[in-house]
Amino acid sequence: MTIRPILIHPDPRLKKVCDPIASVTDEMKKLADDMLSTMYDAPGIGLAAPQVGILQRLIVLDCEKDDDVDPAPIVMFNPEIIHESESRSVYDEGCLSIPDQYAEVERPAEVAVRWMDRDGEIREAEFDGLWATCVQHEIDHLEGTLFIDYLKPLKRQMITRKMQKLKREMARG
């Protein structure tokens, strides 16, 4: 499995709507495996294909952060939210494409999601807590939406400027 470079905001690829995946090919399974390796290495709890420069509707997540608990990776091809609760929750969100920046984002507290699994089977599940926040955050990436898009303009601009500075520093090596 390959650790892939993660795009840092601002990058135009992070603002694009991703294409649906027609079928789960070996190439797509390899991409999913690479994304899981990349996510765990980062370390993070979710990763969307556009974050590694692939404009396809694929996300991976694993919100089991406790060392005593076995990893519980989920791979979702073409995920879509089919129901969201009226109740809301607020989490201090971060993003691997916006390193070391966090902000409170309000989202539905529970969601039901439909997706295609690695075997091409259609699955549905309900998520709550951190899992609900994470799956919504990752699906947002497939629509070209970042968590900072939910923030007030001034805070969003401040974070974007920090990321531009970080990218300049990284480019200088």
Protein backbone atom coordinates (compact mmCIF):
# COMPACT_ATOMS: atom_id res chain seq x y z
CA MET A 1 0.00 0.00 0.00
CA THR A 2 1.18 3.46 -0.90
CA ILE A 3 1.06 6.56 1.25
CA ARG A 4 -0.16 9.30 -1.09
CA PRO A 5 0.56 13.01 -0.73
CA ILE A 6 -2.38 14.96 0.71
CA LEU A 7 -3.35 18.18 -1.07
CA ILE A 8 -3.19 21.31 1.09
CA HIS A 9 -5.83 24.06 0.80
CA PRO A 10 -6.02 26.22 -1.23
CA ASP A 11 -5.92 23.84 -4.20
CA PRO A 12 -8.50 24.05 -7.01
CA ARG A 13 -8.99 20.25 -6.96
CA LEU A 14 -10.41 20.51 -3.42
CA LYS A 15 -13.23 22.75 -4.72
CA LYS A 16 -14.42 20.47 -7.53
CA VAL A 17 -17.51 18.24 -7.52
CA CYS A 18 -16.33 14.65 -7.95
CA ASP A 19 -17.51 12.13 -10.54
CA PRO A 20 -19.49 9.02 -9.56
CA ILE A 21 -17.71 5.67 -9.72
CA ALA A 22 -19.33 3.36 -12.29
CA SER A 23 -17.98 0.12 -10.83
CA VAL A 24 -15.56 -1.02 -8.16
CA THR A 25 -12.49 -2.05 -10.15
CA ASP A 26 -9.18 -3.41 -8.84
CA GLU A 27 -7.76 0.06 -9.45
CA MET A 28 -10.48 1.59 -7.24
CA LYS A 29 -9.84 -1.00 -4.50
CA LYS A 30 -6.12 -0.18 -4.63
CA LEU A 31 -6.96 3.53 -4.34
CA ALA A 32 -9.16 2.79 -1.30
CA ASP A 33 -6.34 0.77 0.33
CA ASP A 34 -3.83 3.56 -0.38
CA MET A 35 -6.25 6.11 1.08
CA LEU A 36 -6.67 4.07 4.28
CA SER A 37 -2.88 3.80 4.63
CA THR A 38 -2.54 7.54 4.00
CA MET A 39 -5.30 8.36 6.51
CA TYR A 40 -3.81 6.17 9.27
CA ASP A 41 -0.32 7.52 8.57
CA ALA A 42 -1.43 11.18 8.75
CA PRO A 43 -3.02 10.36 11.32
CA GLY A 44 -6.67 11.12 10.61
CA ILE A 45 -10.15 9.60 10.93
CA GLY A 46 -11.36 10.26 7.38
CA LEU A 47 -10.06 10.96 3.90
CA ALA A 48 -11.77 11.73 0.59
CA ALA A 49 -10.34 10.93 -2.85
CA PRO A 50 -10.06 14.61 -3.91
CA GLN A 51 -7.66 15.13 -0.98
CA VAL A 52 -5.20 12.86 -2.80
CA GLY A 53 -5.94 14.50 -6.16
CA ILE A 54 -8.47 11.94 -7.45
CA LEU A 55 -11.79 13.55 -8.41
CA GLN A 56 -13.91 10.44 -7.79
CA ARG A 57 -16.68 9.79 -5.23
CA LEU A 58 -14.71 7.69 -2.73
CA ILE A 59 -14.22 8.22 1.00
CA VAL A 60 -12.62 6.18 3.77
CA LEU A 61 -13.14 6.59 7.50
CA ASP A 62 -12.33 5.01 10.83
CA CYS A 63 -13.40 6.87 13.96
CA GLU A 64 -12.12 4.20 16.40
CA LYS A 65 -9.30 6.13 18.04
CA ASP A 66 -9.01 4.07 21.23
CA ASP A 67 -5.89 1.87 21.34
CA ASP A 68 -7.88 -0.94 23.02
CA VAL A 69 -10.37 -1.11 20.13
CA ASP A 70 -9.67 -2.80 16.80
CA PRO A 71 -9.66 -0.49 13.77
CA ALA A 72 -13.03 -0.29 12.01
CA PRO A 73 -12.25 1.05 8.54
CA ILE A 74 -15.15 1.80 6.21
CA VAL A 75 -14.71 2.30 2.46
CA MET A 76 -17.57 4.08 0.68
CA PHE A 77 -17.93 4.41 -3.08
CA ASN A 78 -20.57 6.98 -4.18
CA PRO A 79 -21.76 7.72 -0.62
CA GLU A 80 -24.92 9.77 -0.25
CA ILE A 81 -26.82 11.00 2.77
CA ILE A 82 -30.38 9.67 2.53
CA HIS A 83 -31.65 11.01 5.85
CA GLU A 84 -30.48 13.49 8.45
CA SER A 85 -31.84 14.14 11.91
CA GLU A 86 -33.38 17.43 12.92
CA SER A 87 -31.22 17.38 16.06
CA ARG A 88 -27.86 19.06 15.62
CA SER A 89 -24.42 18.62 17.13
CA VAL A 90 -21.30 20.76 17.14
CA TYR A 91 -17.81 19.33 16.78
CA ASP A 92 -14.42 20.98 16.69
CA GLU A 93 -13.49 19.82 13.18
CA GLY A 94 -10.12 19.62 11.52
CA CYS A 95 -9.00 18.40 8.09
CA LEU A 96 -5.88 16.71 6.75
CA SER A 97 -5.93 19.24 3.88
CA ILE A 98 -5.99 22.11 6.39
CA PRO A 99 -3.39 20.94 8.93
CA ASP A 100 -3.44 22.17 12.54
CA GLN A 101 -6.56 24.33 12.05
CA TYR A 102 -9.76 23.55 13.93
CA ALA A 103 -13.16 25.19 14.19
CA GLU A 104 -16.59 24.34 15.53
CA VAL A 105 -19.03 23.22 12.83
CA GLU A 106 -22.70 22.45 13.41
CA ARG A 107 -24.18 19.51 11.49
CA PRO A 108 -27.06 17.04 11.83
CA ALA A 109 -26.39 14.81 14.87
CA GLU A 110 -27.40 11.62 13.03
CA VAL A 111 -27.38 10.65 9.36
CA ALA A 112 -28.30 7.64 7.26
CA VAL A 113 -25.92 6.96 4.39
CA ARG A 114 -26.16 4.73 1.30
CA TRP A 115 -23.01 3.65 -0.51
CA MET A 116 -21.41 0.92 -2.59
CA ASP A 117 -18.92 -1.28 -0.73
CA ARG A 118 -15.70 -2.90 -2.00
CA ASP A 119 -17.72 -5.78 -3.44
CA GLY A 120 -20.01 -3.46 -5.38
CA GLU A 121 -22.90 -4.16 -2.97
CA ILE A 122 -25.24 -1.34 -1.96
CA ARG A 123 -25.11 -0.73 1.81
CA GLU A 124 -27.00 1.54 4.16
CA ALA A 125 -26.20 2.47 7.74
CA GLU A 126 -27.01 5.08 10.33
CA PHE A 127 -24.25 7.05 12.00
CA ASP A 128 -24.18 9.26 15.08
CA GLY A 129 -21.62 11.02 17.22
CA LEU A 130 -18.15 11.43 15.73
CA TRP A 131 -18.97 8.93 12.94
CA ALA A 132 -21.87 11.14 11.77
CA THR A 133 -19.69 14.26 11.77
CA CYS A 134 -16.86 12.48 9.95
CA VAL A 135 -19.01 10.93 7.20
CA GLN A 136 -20.69 14.30 6.52
CA HIS A 137 -17.30 16.07 6.45
CA GLU A 138 -15.92 13.53 3.95
CA ILE A 139 -19.03 13.56 1.72
CA ASP A 140 -18.73 17.38 1.69
CA HIS A 141 -15.27 16.94 0.11
CA LEU A 142 -16.92 15.11 -2.80
CA GLU A 143 -19.04 18.23 -3.40
CA GLY A 144 -16.03 20.58 -3.26
CA THR A 145 -16.95 21.82 0.23
CA LEU A 146 -14.43 22.22 3.05
CA PHE A 147 -15.28 22.57 6.73
CA ILE A 148 -14.03 26.16 6.65
CA ASP A 149 -16.80 26.96 4.15
CA TYR A 150 -19.17 26.81 7.15
CA LEU A 151 -17.22 29.52 8.99
CA LYS A 152 -17.65 33.27 8.96
CA PRO A 153 -15.70 34.91 6.08
CA LEU A 154 -13.06 36.53 8.32
CA LYS A 155 -12.16 33.26 10.09
CA ARG A 156 -12.13 31.40 6.74
CA GLN A 157 -9.80 34.00 5.17
CA MET A 158 -7.49 33.86 8.19
CA ILE A 159 -7.17 30.06 7.91
CA THR A 160 -6.68 30.26 4.12
CA ARG A 161 -3.84 32.77 4.58
CA LYS A 162 -2.16 30.46 7.11
CA MET A 163 -2.41 27.58 4.60
CA GLN A 164 -0.95 29.73 1.78
CA LYS A 165 1.97 30.58 4.08
CA LEU A 166 2.40 26.89 5.01
CA LYS A 167 2.46 25.90 1.32
CA ARG A 168 5.12 28.55 0.57
CA GLU A 169 7.25 27.23 3.45
CA MET A 170 6.80 23.64 2.27
CA ALA A 171 7.76 24.62 -1.29
CA ARG A 172 11.00 26.15 -0.02
CA GLY A 173 11.75 22.83 1.68
